[in-house]
Amino acid sequence: MLTQINPRPVAAIPSLMRAPGLLLICTLLLGACSKHVEKVEDIRPVRVVVLNPANADVTSEFPGTVQARYESQLGFRVAGKIIARQVDVGTIVKRGQVLMRVDPKDLQLAQAQSVAAVTSATSNRDTARADLKRYQELRDKNFVSQAALDAKESQFKAAQATYDQAEAALKTQSNQTAYATLESDVDGVVTAINAEAGQVVAAGTPVVSVARQGAKEVVVGAPENLVDKLRGSHDVQVRLWADPKQVIQGTVREVSPIADPATRTYAIKIAIPDDTPNVKLGMTAYASFISKTSDDAIKVPLTALLRVQDHSAVWVVDGGAVRQVVVQVTGQHGNEVWIQGALRAGQQVVTAGVNQLKPGQKVTILNAPEGSLPAPKSVSNQPLASNEASVSTPAGGAAR
C-alpha cells in the first residue's frame, strides 16, 4: 500500500526565513528610486540702508492749539441775577461793549439811599457853617465866650466830615450800580460763555471769557523727559494743520513748572508773530523743536529698531551675514530715529525683516544700495553629471 505525501505549501515557510529576503529586495528598490537631496542654505531677503554721517538735525514734534496770549475771564463785581446776555461765543467785541447785565433794582435803591444821606449831610453842614459864622461875629463883639465859639467850630467840622462820608458812600454806590452792566475792557473775541440769563451769580464769578486781539501763541504738551531739553530750544517751527506748507518761526515764551493733572505733560507756550496771516484761535498746529545731535548720533528708519529684552538694537550686515548691535535712541521725528552705539558711517543696517533674523543669519539684499556687499549665493553639493558641460555657454553659441 502506497502512502501519499503532500508537499508543504509556500505560505507555510516560516517568516524568519522570508524576512531577510524581503528586506534585501526593499532596500534595492528604494536605493534605485531615491535621488540625492540637495542641501539649501537659509538665506533671508532684507532691505538695508547705508548709515550717513552724524551731526544731523533732531526734530521733536508735538501737536498743539493756537491760543491768545492774553485771555481774560470776566465776571460781575456785584452779586445779582443775570437778566440779559448780549454776546455769543465767537462774537468780536470792542472795548466798552456790553456783554451781560444783572438786575440793578437793589443797587439803584441803595444808590437812592446814598443820595438821601448826602442831602441830609449837606443840610447839617450848611447849618453848622451858618452857626459858626454868627458866633464868630458875636465873639468879635465880645457877646459870647471863646468856649462857645470853639463848640460851634467843632460842630461844623463834624458836619463837614459827615458830608464827606456820605459823598464817598454815594460815589461807591454809584459804581456798584454801574457794575450791574458787564463791559469788555479790551478789543477781542468771546471764547467762552459760562452763565446764562436767569442765573444768579456771586461777585467775581467768571461768566464770559474774552481773548485779546493781536498776540497769539501755540500751546503744546511735552513729556517730562524732554522738558529740560526743549526749554532752551531756540529754533522752533510751527505749522498749521489747515496750511502745512506755511512755516511760522516761533519762540519758546513759557514752560509750565508743573505737569497737567490729566495728561501728565508740561505746557509749553510758543509765541508767534502778531502779523502772521491766516492764523485763527483754536486752530490745530504742530510745533517742531530742532536741535543738533551729538557727534556720534546716526539717523536710521524706525523700522530698523529691534527690541531685545530691555534695550534697543539693530542688525548690521557684515560679510553677507548679520550681527546684532546694541544702540541707544537719542531722538525721534516721524518715522526716523537718531541712535548712538558701536556704529560708523558707511555700514549697512537692516530696515525690513528685522524680526525674522538671528545672529549669523545669511541675508540677501533686495534694494542693494550703492556700495553694498554682494548677496551670498547658495552652493549646491550635487556633482555635475557626465553629460553636463563644465563651462556655461552663451546664448546662441557653441561649447568649445
Protein backbone atom coordinates (compact mmCIF):
# COMPACT_ATOMS: atom_id res chain seq x y z
CA MET A 1 0.00 0.00 0.00
CA LEU A 2 1.49 3.28 -1.11
CA THR A 3 1.39 6.35 1.16
CA GLN A 4 0.75 9.82 -0.49
CA ILE A 5 2.96 12.63 0.74
CA ASN A 6 1.55 16.19 0.43
CA PRO A 7 4.22 18.84 -0.23
CA ARG A 8 4.22 21.85 2.24
CA PRO A 9 2.77 25.00 0.65
CA VAL A 10 4.94 28.08 0.22
CA ALA A 11 2.82 30.04 2.68
CA ALA A 12 3.87 27.72 5.39
CA ILE A 13 7.54 28.74 5.17
CA PRO A 14 8.47 30.39 8.47
CA SER A 15 8.51 34.23 8.48
CA LEU A 16 12.00 34.22 9.88
CA MET A 17 13.25 32.58 6.69
CA ARG A 18 11.40 35.06 4.46
CA ALA A 19 12.30 38.32 6.28
CA PRO A 20 15.92 38.72 5.16
CA GLY A 21 14.99 38.29 1.56
CA LEU A 22 12.16 40.78 1.69
CA LEU A 23 14.34 43.39 3.39
CA LEU A 24 17.03 42.95 0.79
CA ILE A 25 14.54 43.38 -2.03
CA CYS A 26 13.02 46.54 -0.45
CA THR A 27 16.45 48.06 0.09
CA LEU A 28 17.41 47.51 -3.54
CA LEU A 29 14.14 49.01 -4.76
CA LEU A 30 14.41 52.12 -2.56
CA GLY A 31 18.02 52.65 -3.49
CA ALA A 32 17.10 52.54 -7.16
CA CYS A 33 14.25 55.06 -6.76
CA SER A 34 15.81 57.60 -4.35
CA LYS A 35 17.67 60.71 -5.50
CA HIS A 36 20.31 62.78 -3.79
CA VAL A 37 18.64 65.64 -1.74
CA GLU A 38 20.27 68.99 -2.35
CA LYS A 39 21.12 70.94 0.80
CA VAL A 40 19.81 74.56 0.56
CA GLU A 41 21.04 77.28 2.89
CA ASP A 42 18.52 79.51 4.71
CA ILE A 43 19.07 82.97 3.23
CA ARG A 44 16.68 85.74 4.23
CA PRO A 45 15.86 88.67 1.92
CA VAL A 46 16.20 92.04 3.65
CA ARG A 47 16.29 95.74 2.89
CA VAL A 48 19.11 97.88 4.17
CA VAL A 49 20.15 101.50 4.49
CA VAL A 50 23.69 102.86 4.40
CA LEU A 51 24.45 104.91 7.50
CA ASN A 52 25.02 108.62 6.88
CA PRO A 53 27.49 110.85 8.75
CA ALA A 54 26.41 112.17 12.13
CA ASN A 55 25.61 115.68 13.36
CA ALA A 56 22.14 115.66 11.82
CA ASP A 57 19.16 117.79 12.87
CA VAL A 58 17.00 116.20 15.55
CA THR A 59 13.38 117.27 15.48
CA SER A 60 10.85 116.71 18.24
CA GLU A 61 7.33 117.45 17.04
CA PHE A 62 4.27 117.93 19.25
CA PRO A 63 0.65 118.82 18.40
CA GLY A 64 -0.97 121.84 19.97
CA THR A 65 -3.57 124.56 19.56
CA VAL A 66 -3.48 128.26 18.74
CA GLN A 67 -4.48 130.40 21.71
CA ALA A 68 -4.48 134.07 22.57
CA ARG A 69 -1.55 135.19 24.66
CA TYR A 70 -3.88 137.26 26.84
CA GLU A 71 -7.32 135.89 27.70
CA SER A 72 -9.48 137.34 30.47
CA GLN A 73 -12.26 135.63 32.37
CA LEU A 74 -14.69 138.42 33.11
CA GLY A 75 -17.26 138.46 35.91
CA PHE A 76 -19.62 140.88 37.63
CA ARG A 77 -18.19 142.85 40.53
CA VAL A 78 -21.55 142.63 42.30
CA ALA A 79 -23.88 139.74 43.00
CA GLY A 80 -27.21 139.51 41.25
CA LYS A 81 -29.48 137.76 38.77
CA ILE A 82 -28.48 137.90 35.10
CA ILE A 83 -31.27 139.46 33.05
CA ALA A 84 -29.56 139.79 29.65
CA ARG A 85 -26.75 138.18 27.64
CA GLN A 86 -25.81 140.17 24.56
CA VAL A 87 -22.93 138.17 23.04
CA ASP A 88 -22.24 134.65 21.83
CA VAL A 89 -19.10 132.57 21.52
CA GLY A 90 -17.07 133.95 18.62
CA THR A 91 -18.52 137.46 18.82
CA ILE A 92 -15.92 140.13 18.07
CA VAL A 93 -16.26 142.84 20.71
CA LYS A 94 -14.85 146.34 21.18
CA ARG A 95 -13.64 147.99 24.32
CA GLY A 96 -16.63 149.17 26.38
CA GLN A 97 -19.16 146.94 24.61
CA VAL A 98 -21.87 145.49 26.89
CA LEU A 99 -21.64 141.74 27.37
CA MET A 100 -24.17 140.94 30.13
CA ARG A 101 -26.43 142.68 32.64
CA VAL A 102 -27.70 141.79 36.11
CA ASP A 103 -30.87 143.07 37.75
CA PRO A 104 -29.97 146.60 39.02
CA LYS A 105 -33.08 147.27 41.18
CA ASP A 106 -31.47 146.64 44.56
CA LEU A 107 -28.39 148.59 43.52
CA GLN A 108 -30.50 151.53 42.39
CA LEU A 109 -32.34 151.57 45.72
CA ALA A 110 -29.06 151.59 47.60
CA GLN A 111 -27.90 154.45 45.40
CA ALA A 112 -31.06 156.42 46.20
CA GLN A 113 -30.42 155.85 49.90
CA SER A 114 -26.91 157.23 49.46
CA VAL A 115 -28.26 160.29 47.68
CA ALA A 116 -30.63 160.96 50.59
CA ALA A 117 -27.76 160.60 53.04
CA VAL A 118 -25.75 163.16 51.11
CA THR A 119 -28.69 165.58 51.10
CA SER A 120 -29.08 165.27 54.87
CA ALA A 121 -25.38 165.71 55.46
CA THR A 122 -25.33 168.77 53.21
CA SER A 123 -28.14 170.39 55.21
CA ASN A 124 -26.42 169.71 58.56
CA ARG A 125 -23.12 171.05 57.21
CA ASP A 126 -24.71 174.24 55.94
CA THR A 127 -26.50 174.82 59.29
CA ALA A 128 -23.30 174.25 61.23
CA ARG A 129 -21.42 176.66 58.94
CA ALA A 130 -24.05 179.39 59.45
CA ASP A 131 -23.95 178.95 63.25
CA LEU A 132 -20.18 179.15 63.23
CA LYS A 133 -20.27 182.37 61.22
CA ARG A 134 -22.77 184.03 63.66
CA TYR A 135 -20.75 183.00 66.69
CA GLN A 136 -17.61 184.43 65.13
CA GLU A 137 -19.37 187.80 64.74
CA LEU A 138 -20.65 187.67 68.33
CA ARG A 139 -17.20 186.80 69.59
CA ASP A 140 -15.75 189.79 67.79
CA LYS A 141 -18.20 191.98 69.78
CA ASN A 142 -17.38 190.01 72.93
CA PHE A 143 -21.00 188.87 73.29
CA VAL A 144 -20.09 185.12 73.61
CA SER A 145 -17.22 183.32 75.20
CA GLN A 146 -14.38 181.67 73.36
CA ALA A 147 -15.57 178.26 74.60
CA ALA A 148 -18.94 178.72 72.87
CA LEU A 149 -17.18 179.63 69.63
CA ASP A 150 -14.94 176.57 69.87
CA ALA A 151 -18.00 174.32 70.34
CA LYS A 152 -19.65 175.72 67.20
CA GLU A 153 -16.43 175.21 65.26
CA SER A 154 -16.29 171.56 66.37
CA GLN A 155 -19.91 171.05 65.30
CA PHE A 156 -19.12 172.44 61.86
CA LYS A 157 -16.12 170.14 61.42
CA ALA A 158 -18.23 167.10 62.42
CA ALA A 159 -20.96 168.09 59.97
CA GLN A 160 -18.36 168.55 57.22
CA ALA A 161 -16.91 165.09 57.91
CA THR A 162 -20.38 163.54 57.83
CA TYR A 163 -20.97 165.18 54.47
CA ASP A 164 -17.67 163.90 53.07
CA GLN A 165 -18.52 160.39 54.28
CA ALA A 166 -21.96 160.49 52.66
CA GLU A 167 -20.47 161.81 49.43
CA ALA A 168 -17.92 158.98 49.29
CA ALA A 169 -20.64 156.41 50.00
CA LEU A 170 -22.69 157.84 47.14
CA LYS A 171 -19.77 157.51 44.73
CA THR A 172 -19.16 153.93 45.84
CA GLN A 173 -22.80 153.00 45.43
CA SER A 174 -22.89 154.69 42.03
CA ASN A 175 -20.00 152.46 40.96
CA GLN A 176 -21.82 149.41 42.30
CA THR A 177 -24.85 150.32 40.24
CA ALA A 178 -22.66 150.68 37.15
CA TYR A 179 -21.20 147.23 37.84
CA ALA A 180 -24.61 145.77 37.03
CA THR A 181 -23.51 146.06 33.39
CA LEU A 182 -20.56 143.87 32.35
CA GLU A 183 -18.46 145.51 29.65
CA SER A 184 -15.43 144.32 27.71
CA ASP A 185 -12.24 146.05 28.75
CA VAL A 186 -10.32 145.14 25.56
CA ASP A 187 -10.85 144.64 21.85
CA GLY A 188 -11.09 140.91 21.28
CA VAL A 189 -13.28 137.90 20.68
CA VAL A 190 -15.56 135.98 23.04
CA THR A 191 -14.15 132.50 23.61
CA ALA A 192 -16.50 131.11 26.28
CA ILE A 193 -19.88 131.75 27.94
CA ASN A 194 -20.18 130.37 31.47
CA ALA A 195 -23.56 131.73 32.57
CA GLU A 196 -26.99 132.33 31.08
CA ALA A 197 -29.87 134.74 31.65
CA GLY A 198 -31.83 133.89 34.79
CA GLN A 199 -28.83 132.57 36.68
CA VAL A 200 -27.88 134.14 40.00
CA VAL A 201 -24.14 134.69 40.27
CA ALA A 202 -21.88 135.82 43.08
CA ALA A 203 -19.49 138.71 42.76
CA GLY A 204 -16.36 137.69 40.86
CA THR A 205 -17.81 134.53 39.28
CA PRO A 206 -16.39 134.18 35.70
CA VAL A 207 -19.23 134.40 33.21
CA VAL A 208 -17.52 135.42 29.93
CA SER A 209 -14.03 134.77 28.53
CA VAL A 210 -12.60 137.32 26.11
CA ALA A 211 -9.35 136.80 24.20
CA ARG A 212 -7.45 139.93 23.31
CA GLN A 213 -6.82 140.50 19.64
CA GLY A 214 -3.27 140.58 18.34
CA ALA A 215 -0.73 138.43 20.16
CA LYS A 216 -1.19 134.68 19.67
CA GLU A 217 0.75 131.61 20.75
CA VAL A 218 0.79 127.85 20.25
CA VAL A 219 0.45 125.70 23.35
CA VAL A 220 1.80 122.11 23.25
CA GLY A 221 2.25 119.41 25.89
CA ALA A 222 5.74 117.92 26.30
CA PRO A 223 6.65 114.74 28.22
CA GLU A 224 8.66 115.09 31.38
CA ASN A 225 11.81 113.53 29.93
CA LEU A 226 12.09 116.26 27.26
CA VAL A 227 11.04 119.37 29.19
CA ASP A 228 14.55 120.48 30.15
CA LYS A 229 15.86 119.85 26.64
CA LEU A 230 13.04 121.81 24.96
CA ARG A 231 13.17 124.66 27.47
CA GLY A 232 16.32 126.10 25.89
CA SER A 233 15.37 125.41 22.28
CA HIS A 234 15.97 128.47 20.07
CA ASP A 235 14.77 127.01 16.75
CA VAL A 236 11.05 126.26 16.80
CA GLN A 237 8.97 125.89 13.65
CA VAL A 238 5.18 125.94 13.71
CA ARG A 239 2.92 124.52 11.00
CA LEU A 240 -0.85 124.74 10.87
CA TRP A 241 -2.88 121.64 10.08
CA ALA A 242 -5.03 123.76 7.76
CA ASP A 243 -1.95 125.04 5.86
CA PRO A 244 1.02 122.68 6.37
CA LYS A 245 3.11 124.49 3.72
CA GLN A 246 3.23 127.66 5.81
CA VAL A 247 6.20 127.57 8.20
CA ILE A 248 5.99 130.00 11.13
CA GLN A 249 9.06 130.78 13.19
CA GLY A 250 8.25 130.65 16.90
CA THR A 251 9.91 131.34 20.22
CA VAL A 252 9.52 129.46 23.49
CA ARG A 253 7.89 132.03 25.80
CA GLU A 254 6.91 130.00 28.83
CA VAL A 255 7.28 126.47 30.18
CA SER A 256 4.86 125.35 32.88
CA PRO A 257 6.61 124.40 36.13
CA ILE A 258 4.03 121.71 36.95
CA ALA A 259 2.50 118.89 34.92
CA ASP A 260 -1.11 118.84 33.83
CA PRO A 261 -3.01 116.57 36.25
CA ALA A 262 -4.92 114.88 33.42
CA THR A 263 -2.28 114.38 30.69
CA ARG A 264 0.84 114.47 32.90
CA THR A 265 2.55 116.68 30.32
CA TYR A 266 4.12 120.11 30.72
CA ALA A 267 2.57 123.00 28.79
CA ILE A 268 4.98 124.90 26.55
CA LYS A 269 3.79 128.24 25.16
CA ILE A 270 5.35 129.26 21.84
CA ALA A 271 4.96 132.87 20.75
CA ILE A 272 4.39 133.54 17.04
CA PRO A 273 4.49 136.89 15.19
CA ASP A 274 1.37 139.05 15.55
CA ASP A 275 1.16 139.71 11.82
CA THR A 276 1.09 136.04 10.80
CA PRO A 277 -1.72 135.63 8.24
CA ASN A 278 -4.48 133.00 8.30
CA VAL A 279 -3.96 132.13 11.98
CA LYS A 280 -7.17 131.82 13.97
CA LEU A 281 -7.81 130.94 17.58
CA GLY A 282 -8.41 127.26 18.21
CA MET A 283 -6.57 126.01 15.11
CA THR A 284 -4.57 122.80 15.32
CA ALA A 285 -0.84 123.31 14.95
CA TYR A 286 2.38 121.29 15.10
CA ALA A 287 5.50 122.64 16.78
CA SER A 288 8.90 121.24 15.75
CA PHE A 289 11.82 121.77 18.13
CA ILE A 290 15.05 121.50 16.10
CA SER A 291 18.45 120.85 17.65
CA LYS A 292 21.79 119.31 16.71
CA THR A 293 22.72 115.78 17.68
CA SER A 294 25.97 114.75 19.27
CA ASP A 295 28.90 113.81 17.08
CA ASP A 296 28.23 110.07 17.25
CA ALA A 297 24.47 110.12 16.55
CA ILE A 298 23.26 108.48 13.32
CA LYS A 299 19.82 108.63 11.73
CA VAL A 300 18.00 105.40 10.73
CA PRO A 301 14.40 104.48 9.90
CA LEU A 302 12.19 103.48 12.82
CA THR A 303 11.71 100.03 11.27
CA ALA A 304 15.39 99.25 11.79
CA LEU A 305 15.00 99.11 15.58
CA LEU A 306 14.66 95.76 17.33
CA ARG A 307 13.64 95.47 20.96
CA VAL A 308 15.77 92.92 22.81
CA GLN A 309 14.84 92.49 26.46
CA ASP A 310 15.37 95.94 28.00
CA HIS A 311 17.38 97.62 25.25
CA SER A 312 17.19 98.53 21.56
CA ALA A 313 19.34 97.02 18.83
CA VAL A 314 19.85 96.98 15.05
CA TRP A 315 21.08 94.36 12.59
CA VAL A 316 24.28 95.23 10.75
CA VAL A 317 25.15 93.40 7.53
CA ASP A 318 28.75 92.19 7.71
CA GLY A 319 30.20 89.83 5.11
CA GLY A 320 26.82 88.66 3.83
CA ALA A 321 25.55 87.85 7.35
CA VAL A 322 24.00 89.91 10.11
CA ARG A 323 25.14 90.70 13.61
CA GLN A 324 23.27 92.46 16.38
CA VAL A 325 24.47 95.83 17.70
CA VAL A 326 23.01 97.42 20.85
CA VAL A 327 22.09 101.10 20.39
CA GLN A 328 20.57 103.96 22.35
CA VAL A 329 17.79 106.14 20.92
CA THR A 330 18.54 109.86 21.32
CA GLY A 331 15.76 111.42 19.27
CA GLN A 332 12.80 110.76 17.00
CA HIS A 333 10.95 112.60 14.28
CA GLY A 334 8.15 110.89 12.41
CA ASN A 335 9.43 107.57 11.08
CA GLU A 336 13.09 108.31 11.74
CA VAL A 337 15.17 107.97 14.91
CA TRP A 338 18.65 109.04 15.95
CA ILE A 339 20.74 106.36 17.60
CA GLN A 340 24.11 106.01 19.27
CA GLY A 341 26.19 102.86 19.53
CA ALA A 342 29.07 100.89 18.04
CA LEU A 343 28.22 102.09 14.53
CA ARG A 344 30.04 104.07 11.90
CA ALA A 345 29.13 105.82 8.68
CA GLY A 346 29.02 103.55 5.64
CA GLN A 347 27.72 100.44 7.42
CA GLN A 348 24.57 98.72 6.20
CA VAL A 349 21.68 98.41 8.66
CA VAL A 350 18.67 96.19 8.01
CA THR A 351 15.41 98.16 7.76
CA ALA A 352 12.93 95.42 6.81
CA GLY A 353 12.67 91.89 8.14
CA VAL A 354 14.44 92.54 11.45
CA ASN A 355 12.15 90.21 13.40
CA GLN A 356 12.99 87.20 11.21
CA LEU A 357 16.75 87.28 11.72
CA LYS A 358 19.14 85.70 14.15
CA PRO A 359 22.86 86.27 14.80
CA GLY A 360 24.97 84.97 11.91
CA GLN A 361 21.97 84.71 9.59
CA LYS A 362 22.93 84.98 5.93
CA VAL A 363 20.92 87.53 4.01
CA THR A 364 20.35 88.76 0.50
CA ILE A 365 19.82 92.47 -0.04
CA LEU A 366 16.74 93.45 -2.03
CA ASN A 367 17.25 97.16 -2.57
CA ALA A 368 21.08 96.80 -2.99
CA PRO A 369 22.16 100.37 -2.16
CA GLU A 370 25.26 101.79 -3.76
CA GLY A 371 28.41 100.42 -2.19
CA SER A 372 26.66 97.43 -0.63
CA LEU A 373 28.17 93.98 -0.42
CA PRO A 374 27.13 91.34 -2.93
CA ALA A 375 24.46 88.92 -1.81
CA PRO A 376 25.67 85.44 -0.86
CA LYS A 377 24.90 82.62 -3.29
CA SER A 378 23.62 79.16 -2.47
CA VAL A 379 26.13 76.44 -3.48
CA SER A 380 24.84 73.02 -4.48
CA ASN A 381 26.60 69.93 -3.19
CA GLN A 382 25.45 67.81 -6.14
CA PRO A 383 28.30 67.00 -8.62
CA LEU A 384 27.92 67.70 -12.28
CA ALA A 385 26.54 64.91 -14.38
CA SER A 386 28.79 63.38 -17.03
CA ASN A 387 26.70 64.75 -19.86
CA GLU A 388 26.73 68.36 -18.49
CA ALA A 389 29.19 70.93 -19.75
CA SER A 390 31.54 72.36 -17.13
CA VAL A 391 31.64 75.77 -18.86
CA SER A 392 28.48 77.83 -19.36
CA THR A 393 27.65 78.52 -22.99
CA PRO A 394 26.47 81.96 -24.10
CA ALA A 395 23.09 82.12 -25.74
CA GLY A 396 23.23 81.16 -29.34
CA GLY A 397 26.87 80.00 -29.04
CA ALA A 398 28.52 76.60 -29.08
CA ALA A 399 30.62 74.98 -26.43
CA ARG A 400 34.28 74.85 -27.19
